């Protein structure tokens, strides 16, 4: 009996020890599993999200906009666009182009160049006084505090006609040259006068060596978009007079009349690029706004506008078969004198 008591006592002691050990295990396990070590390190995703939420948006960069009228001459559009892209890049501005006659000017616009007759650039400049505007090939534009104007319809026309006359006489063999201008244009009289002055500036009385012996230069007028019945007799007359080179005012240039001139073996100097030209096309005497735009660009972007400057005169589409490099250099020198005011393309009273 005594021995049995000792056995029970031993069993109780072992049981107490086992219960104590299990309790200790239970108290440690929850601590290890409920708070893993990895959870004490901040999550990379939480850090990235916090960083992105504190980024401040960057404001739009200042922009130069070229607004072109649908009727703007393609040659002028391409030259102005190319120049503006370069000027914008050089001065840290973004370039954009848009076609139309009006525009809601974006807030980040620094300069807007309006090219074409149909754009009311005066109203745009008045509506956006913080923007610098430039009007190109726009007879209705008037310079103001934030608007500069490149081109003068009368001066530019006179210079083109003068240089066309000078070039025609320069490349002719016997000074037999003529002009065709539109009968209804406001600048018809000025164009004819300056053409004649340009021819005679080179050849004086332009005395020919070979028949027919007439007074040169010759000229005539035609209605714009006139049918063949109107221009065929005029071209026949020029052919009978032995005309070598004909100055064609841009408003008269069309595929049909250009073909008729080519059939008569007459060379053509134009002041507007034709849709198609043959080997008889000498080149285009063009009023180019680009040199002036480059000249006043720093004034424009600094807000110093209120200028009106005639365009420069250049020869593009030059056919080297008719205008050699040497004669082309003479043309350039004459343009420089003309634009420097050393030569007047109009009659002096």
Foldseek 3Di string as FASTA:
>chain_A
DVVVVVVVVVVVVVVVVVVVVVVVVVVPVVVPPVDPPVVVDDDPVVVVVVVVVPDDDDDDAEEEEEEEEPPFAPVQVVVVQVLVCVVCVVVVHHYYYDYDQDDDDDPRYAEYEYEDQRHPVVVVCVVCVNHAYEYEPHQPDAFDQRYAYEAHVQVQLLLLLLLLLLLLLLLDPQLAEEEEEAPPDPNVVSSVQLNQVSNCVNVPQSAGDDDPGDGDDYYDYDHQPDDCVGCVVVLVVSLVRVHAEYEYEPSRDAPVVQVVNVVSNHAYEYQGDYPDHDLSYAWHWYFHQSVVCVVCVVCNSVSNHRYYYHGQTATPPGDCVRQPPVNNVVSVVVSVCVRVVVDDSHDDD
